[in-house]
Amino acid sequence: MSDKKVIDFAVASGKHRHARDHEEKEAKVEAMRQRFESALPDKKTPVKDYLKKKRAKKKRH
């Protein structure tokens, strides 16, 4: 019996889930970039600053 045709669904789903989650996260961040760009055109890294502030707030609580 050939082991190459056997698929471990736990491993396969993990790989696909990671890729899908990453794509969804990138889409959200891109949407945020567009909103921040229109609201604060002169600020260099508004999304990065926002996410950093949000993480810092989580750590405090």
Protein backbone atom coordinates (compact mmCIF):
# COMPACT_ATOMS: atom_id res chain seq x y z
CA MET A 1 0.00 0.00 0.00
CA SER A 2 1.32 3.44 -0.91
CA ASP A 3 1.52 5.95 1.94
CA LYS A 4 1.68 8.92 -0.44
CA LYS A 5 -2.06 8.78 -1.12
CA VAL A 6 -3.00 8.78 2.58
CA ILE A 7 -3.98 12.23 3.81
CA ASP A 8 -3.93 13.25 7.45
CA PHE A 9 -6.93 15.56 7.61
CA ALA A 10 -5.80 17.18 10.87
CA VAL A 11 -2.55 18.33 9.26
CA ALA A 12 -4.21 19.32 5.99
CA SER A 13 -6.96 21.35 7.66
CA GLY A 14 -4.39 23.17 9.79
CA LYS A 15 -2.43 24.25 6.72
CA HIS A 16 -5.53 25.43 4.89
CA ARG A 17 -6.94 27.17 7.97
CA HIS A 18 -3.70 29.07 8.51
CA ALA A 19 -3.65 30.25 4.89
CA ARG A 20 -7.32 31.25 4.96
CA ASP A 21 -7.00 33.06 8.29
CA HIS A 22 -3.96 34.93 7.00
CA GLU A 23 -5.80 36.03 3.85
CA GLU A 24 -8.80 37.21 5.90
CA LYS A 25 -6.53 39.16 8.25
CA GLU A 26 -4.73 40.79 5.31
CA ALA A 27 -8.06 41.80 3.78
CA LYS A 28 -9.15 43.41 7.07
CA VAL A 29 -5.86 45.28 7.42
CA GLU A 30 -6.04 46.48 3.82
CA ALA A 31 -9.56 47.82 4.42
CA MET A 32 -8.29 49.58 7.55
CA ARG A 33 -5.40 51.08 5.57
CA GLN A 34 -7.81 52.56 3.06
CA ARG A 35 -10.05 54.02 5.78
CA PHE A 36 -7.14 55.49 7.72
CA GLU A 37 -5.57 56.86 4.52
CA SER A 38 -8.70 58.84 3.75
CA ALA A 39 -9.09 60.03 7.36
CA LEU A 40 -5.43 60.75 8.17
CA PRO A 41 -3.52 61.24 4.92
CA ASP A 42 -0.50 62.90 6.57
CA LYS A 43 0.20 60.16 9.16
CA LYS A 44 2.83 57.64 8.04
CA THR A 45 1.80 54.42 9.82
CA PRO A 46 -1.72 54.86 11.21
CA VAL A 47 -2.75 51.18 11.02
CA LYS A 48 0.45 49.96 12.64
CA ASP A 49 0.11 52.56 15.41
CA TYR A 50 -3.55 51.64 15.96
CA LEU A 51 -2.83 47.91 16.22
CA LYS A 52 0.14 48.51 18.52
CA LYS A 53 -2.02 50.66 20.82
CA LYS A 54 -4.76 48.03 20.80
CA ARG A 55 -2.29 45.27 21.79
CA ALA A 56 -0.82 47.45 24.55
CA LYS A 57 -4.30 48.04 25.95
CA LYS A 58 -4.98 44.28 25.99
CA LYS A 59 -1.77 43.66 27.93
CA ARG A 60 -2.67 46.25 30.56
CA HIS A 61 -6.02 44.62 31.35
